[in-house]
Amino acid sequence: MAKTRAQKEEQLTHLADKLRSAKSVIFADYRGLTMSQLSDLRSKLASEEAQLLVTKNTLMELALKSTRLPQTSNNIQTGPTATLFAFGDEISPLKILVRAFKDNGLGKVKGGFLDNAFMDEYAMVRLSTLPGKQELRGKTVSILAAPLQGMVGVLQANLRNLVYALDQIRISKGGEN
């Protein structure tokens, strides 16, 4: 059933709101993926505060024009296009999308927006190889904690040596073994 003009305008407003509120927006060619693979991917993305939508290219182009985002290249909105909106972490939904495409051997990232800057396919795939926020936080904590752990080890060694020396003095004065 064809959509009315009012329904299309409502959908356009809805898409424009998503584009404004998303931290990153990724366009992908999802051809070849089955409905079960798409629904599995959508459920994984939902746990990361992200949403994958398939919309008409002309509707997405109109929504992009109504936002502050710069224009995309022409190949982004050609062919079947799924749009990934990341509302939480900017990179982890992209990682999930790229991993799903790689695991299934189908689909590819076309490009997208990160911090209102357009990035092509190559840049997006490179971003997906970066460590996630939690991993970077863990590495930072371990780097900061390493000198403290070393200092604790040195301080414990001095106490351990003192106890060992006192024990040797006790033994030399005729104390029990």
Protein backbone atom coordinates (compact mmCIF):
# COMPACT_ATOMS: atom_id res chain seq x y z
CA MET A 1 0.00 0.00 0.00
CA ALA A 2 1.39 3.41 -0.97
CA LYS A 3 2.17 5.89 1.78
CA THR A 4 0.37 9.19 1.91
CA ARG A 5 2.24 12.48 1.74
CA ALA A 6 1.60 13.05 5.45
CA GLN A 7 3.10 9.66 6.32
CA LYS A 8 6.18 10.42 4.21
CA GLU A 9 6.59 13.84 5.85
CA GLU A 10 6.28 12.25 9.28
CA GLN A 11 8.90 9.65 8.34
CA LEU A 12 11.15 12.42 7.00
CA THR A 13 10.87 14.33 10.29
CA HIS A 14 11.57 11.12 12.21
CA LEU A 15 14.70 10.41 10.11
CA ALA A 16 15.96 13.99 10.46
CA ASP A 17 15.56 13.76 14.26
CA LYS A 18 17.55 10.51 14.28
CA LEU A 19 20.29 12.09 12.16
CA ARG A 20 20.53 15.05 14.55
CA SER A 21 20.63 12.95 17.72
CA ALA A 22 22.96 10.17 16.53
CA LYS A 23 26.63 10.36 17.48
CA SER A 24 27.56 8.50 14.32
CA VAL A 25 25.65 7.50 11.18
CA ILE A 26 26.88 4.70 8.92
CA PHE A 27 25.50 3.76 5.51
CA ALA A 28 25.87 0.15 4.38
CA ASP A 29 24.96 -2.11 1.50
CA TYR A 30 23.15 -5.03 3.10
CA ARG A 31 22.43 -7.04 -0.08
CA GLY A 32 22.53 -10.77 0.42
CA LEU A 33 21.75 -10.81 4.12
CA THR A 34 18.71 -12.85 5.08
CA MET A 35 15.95 -11.51 7.30
CA SER A 36 17.15 -13.67 10.19
CA GLN A 37 20.70 -12.31 9.80
CA LEU A 38 19.35 -8.75 9.72
CA SER A 39 17.18 -9.30 12.80
CA ASP A 40 20.12 -10.89 14.65
CA LEU A 41 22.27 -7.89 13.69
CA ARG A 42 19.55 -5.48 14.83
CA SER A 43 19.30 -7.18 18.23
CA LYS A 44 23.09 -6.99 18.73
CA LEU A 45 23.03 -3.32 17.76
CA ALA A 46 20.12 -2.58 20.10
CA SER A 47 22.25 -3.70 23.05
CA GLU A 48 24.78 -1.02 22.02
CA GLU A 49 22.19 1.77 21.81
CA ALA A 50 22.15 1.66 18.02
CA GLN A 51 19.48 1.15 15.38
CA LEU A 52 19.67 -0.20 11.84
CA LEU A 53 17.01 1.11 9.45
CA VAL A 54 16.36 0.43 5.79
CA THR A 55 14.77 3.46 4.15
CA LYS A 56 14.22 4.79 0.67
CA ASN A 57 17.32 6.56 -0.62
CA THR A 58 15.40 9.65 -1.72
CA LEU A 59 13.84 9.97 1.73
CA MET A 60 17.27 9.71 3.38
CA GLU A 61 18.70 12.32 0.97
CA LEU A 62 15.90 14.72 1.90
CA ALA A 63 16.49 14.06 5.61
CA LEU A 64 20.23 14.72 5.17
CA LYS A 65 19.49 18.02 3.42
CA SER A 66 17.32 19.13 6.35
CA THR A 67 20.16 18.57 8.86
CA ARG A 68 23.52 20.24 9.41
CA LEU A 69 25.38 17.22 8.01
CA PRO A 70 27.47 17.79 4.87
CA GLN A 71 26.53 16.19 1.58
CA THR A 72 27.59 12.60 0.96
CA SER A 73 29.22 11.21 -2.14
CA ASN A 74 26.90 9.95 -4.88
CA ASN A 75 27.60 6.24 -4.35
CA ILE A 76 26.31 6.29 -0.76
CA GLN A 77 22.65 6.53 -1.71
CA THR A 78 22.70 4.14 -4.66
CA GLY A 79 21.34 0.63 -4.39
CA PRO A 80 19.82 -0.87 -1.26
CA THR A 81 21.11 1.09 1.72
CA ALA A 82 20.76 0.41 5.42
CA THR A 83 21.49 3.24 7.83
CA LEU A 84 23.04 2.58 11.23
CA PHE A 85 22.34 5.22 13.87
CA ALA A 86 24.65 5.03 16.91
CA PHE A 87 23.25 6.89 19.90
CA GLY A 88 25.66 5.63 22.58
CA ASP A 89 29.23 4.71 21.70
CA GLU A 90 30.23 5.96 18.27
CA ILE A 91 32.49 3.07 17.26
CA SER A 92 31.20 -0.16 18.85
CA PRO A 93 28.07 -0.42 16.62
CA LEU A 94 30.33 0.05 13.59
CA LYS A 95 32.51 -2.81 14.86
CA ILE A 96 29.45 -5.05 15.22
CA LEU A 97 28.27 -4.16 11.71
CA VAL A 98 31.66 -4.80 10.09
CA ARG A 99 32.10 -8.06 12.03
CA ALA A 100 28.63 -9.26 10.93
CA PHE A 101 29.41 -8.45 7.29
CA LYS A 102 32.73 -10.26 7.56
CA ASP A 103 31.22 -13.32 9.29
CA ASN A 104 28.45 -13.60 6.71
CA GLY A 105 30.69 -12.75 3.76
CA LEU A 106 28.03 -10.31 2.57
CA GLY A 107 27.42 -6.59 2.76
CA LYS A 108 29.78 -3.67 2.99
CA VAL A 109 30.07 -0.27 4.61
CA LYS A 110 29.60 2.60 2.16
CA GLY A 111 30.61 5.48 4.42
CA GLY A 112 29.11 7.64 7.11
CA PHE A 113 29.34 10.52 9.53
CA LEU A 114 31.32 10.79 12.72
CA ASP A 115 31.28 14.11 14.59
CA ASN A 116 29.48 15.72 11.64
CA ALA A 117 32.37 14.87 9.30
CA PHE A 118 31.82 12.57 6.35
CA MET A 119 34.09 9.52 6.15
CA ASP A 120 34.37 7.14 3.22
CA GLU A 121 34.27 3.34 3.28
CA TYR A 122 38.01 2.99 3.89
CA ALA A 123 38.01 5.36 6.88
CA MET A 124 34.98 3.64 8.43
CA VAL A 125 36.52 0.17 8.11
CA ARG A 126 39.76 1.50 9.66
CA LEU A 127 37.75 2.96 12.56
CA SER A 128 36.19 -0.45 13.16
CA THR A 129 39.66 -1.91 13.85
CA LEU A 130 40.37 0.52 16.69
CA PRO A 131 39.97 -0.75 20.25
CA GLY A 132 36.70 0.10 21.97
CA LYS A 133 36.23 2.63 24.76
CA GLN A 134 36.29 0.01 27.51
CA GLU A 135 39.48 -1.56 26.17
CA LEU A 136 41.16 1.85 25.95
CA ARG A 137 40.05 2.68 29.48
CA GLY A 138 41.47 -0.62 30.71
CA LYS A 139 44.81 0.04 29.00
CA THR A 140 44.94 3.55 30.46
CA VAL A 141 44.28 2.25 33.97
CA SER A 142 46.94 -0.44 33.62
CA ILE A 143 49.47 2.12 32.36
CA LEU A 144 48.68 4.41 35.29
CA ALA A 145 48.74 1.54 37.80
CA ALA A 146 52.07 0.02 36.67
CA PRO A 147 54.33 2.56 38.46
CA LEU A 148 52.23 2.24 41.62
CA GLN A 149 52.51 -1.55 41.52
CA GLY A 150 56.27 -1.23 41.11
CA MET A 151 56.49 1.11 44.09
CA VAL A 152 54.42 -1.27 46.23
CA GLY A 153 56.76 -4.11 45.23
CA VAL A 154 59.84 -2.09 46.22
CA LEU A 155 58.31 -1.11 49.57
CA GLN A 156 57.29 -4.70 50.28
CA ALA A 157 60.80 -5.90 49.41
CA ASN A 158 62.33 -3.59 52.05
CA LEU A 159 59.95 -4.89 54.72
CA ARG A 160 60.54 -8.48 53.63
CA ASN A 161 64.33 -7.97 53.80
CA LEU A 162 64.02 -6.38 57.26
CA VAL A 163 62.01 -9.36 58.54
CA TYR A 164 64.55 -11.75 56.97
CA ALA A 165 67.49 -9.87 58.60
CA LEU A 166 65.79 -9.86 62.03
CA ASP A 167 65.09 -13.58 61.67
CA GLN A 168 68.79 -14.26 60.86
CA ILE A 169 69.86 -12.21 63.91
CA ARG A 170 67.49 -14.20 66.08
CA ILE A 171 68.91 -17.49 64.75
CA SER A 172 72.54 -16.32 65.27
CA LYS A 173 71.80 -15.37 68.94
CA GLY A 174 70.68 -18.92 69.59
CA GLY A 175 66.98 -18.66 68.88
CA GLU A 176 64.96 -21.55 67.60
CA ASN A 177 64.87 -22.43 63.89
